[in-house]
C-alpha cells in the first residue's frame, strides 16, 4: 500500500472513531433554559420542533447517571432528539424557581412532584407544543436504541394508538 493510501486509511479510521465518540450529555443533549417552560414552548414552535422532552432526575439516582453515561451521550441519540425536541432536565429535589407551562412560578421539585407526580427517577416525559403531557416513561431505557425508539414513538404519533411496550416488541421483531 502506498504512503498516500495508508494515510487516507488512517484518516478514515480516525474520522470514523471520532464520529462515534460519546459526547457529554450536559453539553450536547440538553438545551439551555432560563427556567420558563412557557417561553420554551414558543421557542419550540418557532424552531419547528414537535415538543419538549424533560428528563426528571436527582443527583443520587444511579439509573439517571447510567442514562447520562450510556444513552444521552450518544451522538445518534443527541442528533435525533435535537432535531425533534427541545430537551431539558429537572431536578426533582431542586429549589430553583421555574415557570411552568401555564405561567405559574414554582420550584423544580413542585413542578416534578405536585404537577407531574414524579416520585421515582428517571422519568422521561414528552410534552406537546401546548404543554400537555403526551408520553411518560418511568425508569431508564435498556439502551440507546430503546431510547431512540421512545423518541420515534412520539414523533410518528404511535403513542396515540399503541403502548410503548407493544411498539418495542414490534421493533425488536422487525430488527431480527
C-alpha atoms as a PDB file:
ATOM      1  CA  UNK A   1       0.000   0.000   0.000  1.00  0.00           C
ATOM      2  CA  UNK A   2       1.330   3.421  -0.849  1.00  0.00           C
ATOM      3  CA  UNK A   3       2.075   6.030   1.798  1.00  0.00           C
ATOM      4  CA  UNK A   4      -0.790   8.125   0.436  1.00  0.00           C
ATOM      5  CA  UNK A   5      -3.171   5.156   0.659  1.00  0.00           C
ATOM      6  CA  UNK A   6      -2.038   4.342   4.178  1.00  0.00           C
ATOM      7  CA  UNK A   7      -2.527   7.977   5.229  1.00  0.00           C
ATOM      8  CA  UNK A   8      -6.019   8.029   3.713  1.00  0.00           C
ATOM      9  CA  UNK A   9      -6.899   4.808   5.532  1.00  0.00           C
ATOM     10  CA  UNK A  10      -5.619   6.205   8.847  1.00  0.00           C
ATOM     11  CA  UNK A  11      -7.615   9.415   8.404  1.00  0.00           C
ATOM     12  CA  UNK A  12     -10.754   7.438   7.551  1.00  0.00           C
ATOM     13  CA  UNK A  13     -10.395   5.186  10.611  1.00  0.00           C
ATOM     14  CA  UNK A  14      -9.648   8.157  12.898  1.00  0.00           C
ATOM     15  CA  UNK A  15     -12.612  10.099  11.489  1.00  0.00           C
ATOM     16  CA  UNK A  16     -14.936   7.135  11.919  1.00  0.00           C
ATOM     17  CA  UNK A  17     -13.852   6.641  15.519  1.00  0.00           C
ATOM     18  CA  UNK A  18     -14.301  10.341  16.255  1.00  0.00           C
ATOM     19  CA  UNK A  19     -17.811  10.394  14.758  1.00  0.00           C
ATOM     20  CA  UNK A  20     -18.947   7.638  17.127  1.00  0.00           C
ATOM     21  CA  UNK A  21     -17.285   9.096  20.214  1.00  0.00           C
ATOM     22  CA  UNK A  22     -19.748   9.738  23.031  1.00  0.00           C
ATOM     23  CA  UNK A  23     -20.337  13.389  23.839  1.00  0.00           C
ATOM     24  CA  UNK A  24     -21.205  14.790  27.258  1.00  0.00           C
ATOM     25  CA  UNK A  25     -24.979  14.781  27.758  1.00  0.00           C
ATOM     26  CA  UNK A  26     -24.998  18.090  29.622  1.00  0.00           C
ATOM     27  CA  UNK A  27     -23.135  19.856  26.825  1.00  0.00           C
ATOM     28  CA  UNK A  28     -24.734  18.228  23.790  1.00  0.00           C
ATOM     29  CA  UNK A  29     -28.084  16.696  24.697  1.00  0.00           C
ATOM     30  CA  UNK A  30     -29.747  19.225  26.962  1.00  0.00           C
ATOM     31  CA  UNK A  31     -30.725  22.711  25.843  1.00  0.00           C
ATOM     32  CA  UNK A  32     -30.016  25.756  27.964  1.00  0.00           C
ATOM     33  CA  UNK A  33     -33.105  27.098  29.667  1.00  0.00           C
ATOM     34  CA  UNK A  34     -33.904  30.276  31.530  1.00  0.00           C
ATOM     35  CA  UNK A  35     -36.392  28.271  33.556  1.00  0.00           C
ATOM     36  CA  UNK A  36     -39.511  29.440  31.728  1.00  0.00           C
ATOM     37  CA  UNK A  37     -41.209  26.461  30.108  1.00  0.00           C
ATOM     38  CA  UNK A  38     -43.996  28.604  28.661  1.00  0.00           C
ATOM     39  CA  UNK A  39     -41.347  30.576  26.757  1.00  0.00           C
ATOM     40  CA  UNK A  40     -39.649  27.311  25.770  1.00  0.00           C
ATOM     41  CA  UNK A  41     -42.908  26.197  24.135  1.00  0.00           C
ATOM     42  CA  UNK A  42     -42.833  29.336  21.969  1.00  0.00           C
ATOM     43  CA  UNK A  43     -39.210  28.610  21.054  1.00  0.00           C
ATOM     44  CA  UNK A  44     -40.064  25.006  20.176  1.00  0.00           C
ATOM     45  CA  UNK A  45     -42.864  26.211  17.877  1.00  0.00           C
ATOM     46  CA  UNK A  46     -40.566  28.781  16.212  1.00  0.00           C
ATOM     47  CA  UNK A  47     -37.900  26.142  15.608  1.00  0.00           C
ATOM     48  CA  UNK A  48     -40.372  23.644  14.148  1.00  0.00           C
ATOM     49  CA  UNK A  49     -39.892  21.119  16.954  1.00  0.00           C
ATOM     50  CA  UNK A  50     -42.540  18.560  17.791  1.00  0.00           C
ATOM     51  CA  UNK A  51     -42.467  19.215  21.504  1.00  0.00           C
ATOM     52  CA  UNK A  52     -40.417  19.323  24.652  1.00  0.00           C
ATOM     53  CA  UNK A  53     -38.650  16.433  26.332  1.00  0.00           C
ATOM     54  CA  UNK A  54     -37.931  16.632  30.065  1.00  0.00           C
ATOM     55  CA  UNK A  55     -35.569  14.291  31.898  1.00  0.00           C
ATOM     56  CA  UNK A  56     -36.661  14.318  35.554  1.00  0.00           C
ATOM     57  CA  UNK A  57     -33.703  13.243  37.683  1.00  0.00           C
ATOM     58  CA  UNK A  58     -31.952  13.608  41.023  1.00  0.00           C
ATOM     59  CA  UNK A  59     -28.282  13.622  41.956  1.00  0.00           C
ATOM     60  CA  UNK A  60     -28.184  10.313  43.841  1.00  0.00           C
ATOM     61  CA  UNK A  61     -30.012   8.333  41.153  1.00  0.00           C
ATOM     62  CA  UNK A  62     -27.772   5.590  39.714  1.00  0.00           C
ATOM     63  CA  UNK A  63     -30.200   4.990  36.838  1.00  0.00           C
ATOM     64  CA  UNK A  64     -30.070   8.682  35.874  1.00  0.00           C
ATOM     65  CA  UNK A  65     -26.278   8.550  35.847  1.00  0.00           C
ATOM     66  CA  UNK A  66     -26.332   5.401  33.725  1.00  0.00           C
ATOM     67  CA  UNK A  67     -28.690   7.082  31.243  1.00  0.00           C
ATOM     68  CA  UNK A  68     -26.350  10.091  31.009  1.00  0.00           C
ATOM     69  CA  UNK A  69     -23.238   7.936  30.594  1.00  0.00           C
ATOM     70  CA  UNK A  70     -24.530   5.303  28.170  1.00  0.00           C
ATOM     71  CA  UNK A  71     -27.561   6.749  26.359  1.00  0.00           C
ATOM     72  CA  UNK A  72     -27.805  10.556  26.410  1.00  0.00           C
ATOM     73  CA  UNK A  73     -24.148  10.901  25.432  1.00  0.00           C
ATOM     74  CA  UNK A  74     -24.525   9.015  22.139  1.00  0.00           C
ATOM     75  CA  UNK A  75     -24.264  11.261  19.045  1.00  0.00           C
ATOM     76  CA  UNK A  76     -27.082   9.435  17.218  1.00  0.00           C
ATOM     77  CA  UNK A  77     -29.412   9.958  20.202  1.00  0.00           C
ATOM     78  CA  UNK A  78     -28.386  13.590  20.585  1.00  0.00           C
ATOM     79  CA  UNK A  79     -28.866  14.355  16.893  1.00  0.00           C
ATOM     80  CA  UNK A  80     -32.310  12.738  16.758  1.00  0.00           C
ATOM     81  CA  UNK A  81     -33.646  14.390  19.893  1.00  0.00           C
ATOM     82  CA  UNK A  82     -32.155  17.795  18.942  1.00  0.00           C
ATOM     83  CA  UNK A  83     -33.914  17.580  15.577  1.00  0.00           C
ATOM     84  CA  UNK A  84     -37.350  16.915  17.080  1.00  0.00           C
ATOM     85  CA  UNK A  85     -37.466  18.307  20.628  1.00  0.00           C
ATOM     86  CA  UNK A  86     -36.139  20.902  22.994  1.00  0.00           C
ATOM     87  CA  UNK A  87     -34.527  18.838  25.754  1.00  0.00           C
ATOM     88  CA  UNK A  88     -34.368  19.853  29.402  1.00  0.00           C
ATOM     89  CA  UNK A  89     -33.555  18.385  32.771  1.00  0.00           C
ATOM     90  CA  UNK A  90     -35.428  18.978  36.023  1.00  0.00           C
ATOM     91  CA  UNK A  91     -34.016  18.099  39.442  1.00  0.00           C
ATOM     92  CA  UNK A  92     -36.908  16.595  41.404  1.00  0.00           C
ATOM     93  CA  UNK A  93     -35.283  17.813  44.624  1.00  0.00           C
ATOM     94  CA  UNK A  94     -34.410  21.241  43.236  1.00  0.00           C
ATOM     95  CA  UNK A  95     -35.376  24.505  44.911  1.00  0.00           C
ATOM     96  CA  UNK A  96     -34.651  26.586  41.810  1.00  0.00           C
ATOM     97  CA  UNK A  97     -37.636  28.628  40.716  1.00  0.00           C
ATOM     98  CA  UNK A  98     -39.070  27.993  37.265  1.00  0.00           C
ATOM     99  CA  UNK A  99     -42.154  28.971  35.301  1.00  0.00           C
ATOM    100  CA  UNK A 100     -44.357  26.024  34.337  1.00  0.00           C
ATOM    101  CA  UNK A 101     -46.177  25.578  31.032  1.00  0.00           C
ATOM    102  CA  UNK A 102     -49.122  27.629  32.349  1.00  0.00           C
ATOM    103  CA  UNK A 103     -47.041  30.590  33.506  1.00  0.00           C
ATOM    104  CA  UNK A 104     -47.071  29.718  37.224  1.00  0.00           C
ATOM    105  CA  UNK A 105     -43.934  30.247  39.305  1.00  0.00           C
ATOM    106  CA  UNK A 106     -42.934  27.033  41.078  1.00  0.00           C
ATOM    107  CA  UNK A 107     -39.801  25.260  42.251  1.00  0.00           C
ATOM    108  CA  UNK A 108     -38.367  22.378  40.260  1.00  0.00           C
ATOM    109  CA  UNK A 109     -39.434  19.923  42.964  1.00  0.00           C
ATOM    110  CA  UNK A 110     -43.023  21.240  42.960  1.00  0.00           C
ATOM    111  CA  UNK A 111     -43.110  21.105  39.170  1.00  0.00           C
ATOM    112  CA  UNK A 112     -41.952  17.494  39.343  1.00  0.00           C
ATOM    113  CA  UNK A 113     -43.885  16.225  42.350  1.00  0.00           C
ATOM    114  CA  UNK A 114     -47.071  18.296  42.523  1.00  0.00           C
ATOM    115  CA  UNK A 115     -47.680  18.951  38.852  1.00  0.00           C
ATOM    116  CA  UNK A 116     -46.405  15.714  37.324  1.00  0.00           C
ATOM    117  CA  UNK A 117     -46.374  13.262  40.250  1.00  0.00           C
ATOM    118  CA  UNK A 118     -42.746  12.296  39.717  1.00  0.00           C
ATOM    119  CA  UNK A 119     -41.671  10.192  42.664  1.00  0.00           C
ATOM    120  CA  UNK A 120     -39.006   7.886  41.211  1.00  0.00           C
ATOM    121  CA  UNK A 121     -36.271   8.728  38.757  1.00  0.00           C
ATOM    122  CA  UNK A 122     -35.589   8.917  35.980  1.00  0.00           C
ATOM    123  CA  UNK A 123     -38.900   9.918  34.460  1.00  0.00           C
ATOM    124  CA  UNK A 124     -38.821  10.672  30.754  1.00  0.00           C
ATOM    125  CA  UNK A 125     -41.697  12.950  29.720  1.00  0.00           C
ATOM    126  CA  UNK A 126     -42.706  14.400  26.398  1.00  0.00           C
ATOM    127  CA  UNK A 127     -44.941  17.447  26.100  1.00  0.00           C
ATOM    128  CA  UNK A 128     -46.739  18.677  23.002  1.00  0.00           C
ATOM    129  CA  UNK A 129     -46.495  22.273  21.807  1.00  0.00           C
ATOM    130  CA  UNK A 130     -49.348  23.270  24.127  1.00  0.00           C
ATOM    131  CA  UNK A 131     -47.505  21.955  27.199  1.00  0.00           C
ATOM    132  CA  UNK A 132     -49.729  18.887  27.535  1.00  0.00           C
ATOM    133  CA  UNK A 133     -48.005  15.706  28.713  1.00  0.00           C
ATOM    134  CA  UNK A 134     -48.313  13.143  25.917  1.00  0.00           C
ATOM    135  CA  UNK A 135     -45.880  10.351  26.862  1.00  0.00           C
ATOM    136  CA  UNK A 136     -44.384   9.369  30.196  1.00  0.00           C
ATOM    137  CA  UNK A 137     -41.816   6.642  30.712  1.00  0.00           C
ATOM    138  CA  UNK A 138     -40.733   5.848  34.263  1.00  0.00           C
ATOM    139  CA  UNK A 139     -37.298   4.326  34.674  1.00  0.00           C
ATOM    140  CA  UNK A 140     -34.307   4.104  32.386  1.00  0.00           C
ATOM    141  CA  UNK A 141     -34.428   2.667  28.906  1.00  0.00           C
ATOM    142  CA  UNK A 142     -32.440  -0.513  28.337  1.00  0.00           C
ATOM    143  CA  UNK A 143     -30.032   1.156  25.927  1.00  0.00           C
ATOM    144  CA  UNK A 144     -29.629   3.934  23.350  1.00  0.00           C
ATOM    145  CA  UNK A 145     -31.612   2.004  20.735  1.00  0.00           C
ATOM    146  CA  UNK A 146     -34.640   1.760  23.034  1.00  0.00           C
ATOM    147  CA  UNK A 147     -34.366   5.473  23.878  1.00  0.00           C
ATOM    148  CA  UNK A 148     -34.350   6.274  20.151  1.00  0.00           C
ATOM    149  CA  UNK A 149     -37.424   4.107  19.752  1.00  0.00           C
ATOM    150  CA  UNK A 150     -39.112   6.110  22.520  1.00  0.00           C
ATOM    151  CA  UNK A 151     -38.433   9.319  20.602  1.00  0.00           C
ATOM    152  CA  UNK A 152     -39.661   7.781  17.344  1.00  0.00           C
ATOM    153  CA  UNK A 153     -42.764   6.507  19.141  1.00  0.00           C
ATOM    154  CA  UNK A 154     -43.601  10.119  19.993  1.00  0.00           C
ATOM    155  CA  UNK A 155     -42.541  11.682  16.686  1.00  0.00           C
ATOM    156  CA  UNK A 156     -44.518   9.292  14.497  1.00  0.00           C
ATOM    157  CA  UNK A 157     -47.612   9.566  16.723  1.00  0.00           C
ATOM    158  CA  UNK A 158     -47.803   5.864  17.547  1.00  0.00           C
ATOM    159  CA  UNK A 159     -48.345   6.800  21.221  1.00  0.00           C
ATOM    160  CA  UNK A 160     -51.912   7.722  20.266  1.00  0.00           C
ATOM    161  CA  UNK A 161     -52.851   4.165  19.329  1.00  0.00           C
ATOM    162  CA  UNK A 162     -50.398   1.766  20.945  1.00  0.00           C
ATOM    163  CA  UNK A 163     -48.476   1.221  24.171  1.00  0.00           C
ATOM    164  CA  UNK A 164     -44.716   1.664  24.139  1.00  0.00           C
ATOM    165  CA  UNK A 165     -44.339  -1.961  25.280  1.00  0.00           C
ATOM    166  CA  UNK A 166     -46.143  -3.174  22.151  1.00  0.00           C
ATOM    167  CA  UNK A 167     -44.178  -0.735  19.984  1.00  0.00           C
ATOM    168  CA  UNK A 168     -40.859  -2.066  21.375  1.00  0.00           C
ATOM    169  CA  UNK A 169     -41.952  -5.654  20.815  1.00  0.00           C
ATOM    170  CA  UNK A 170     -42.758  -4.920  17.177  1.00  0.00           C
ATOM    171  CA  UNK A 171     -39.468  -3.053  16.663  1.00  0.00           C
ATOM    172  CA  UNK A 172     -37.484  -5.944  18.157  1.00  0.00           C
ATOM    173  CA  UNK A 173     -39.240  -8.459  15.911  1.00  0.00           C
ATOM    174  CA  UNK A 174     -38.630  -6.290  12.827  1.00  0.00           C
ATOM    175  CA  UNK A 175     -34.929  -5.995  13.724  1.00  0.00           C
ATOM    176  CA  UNK A 176     -34.445  -9.775  13.710  1.00  0.00           C
END
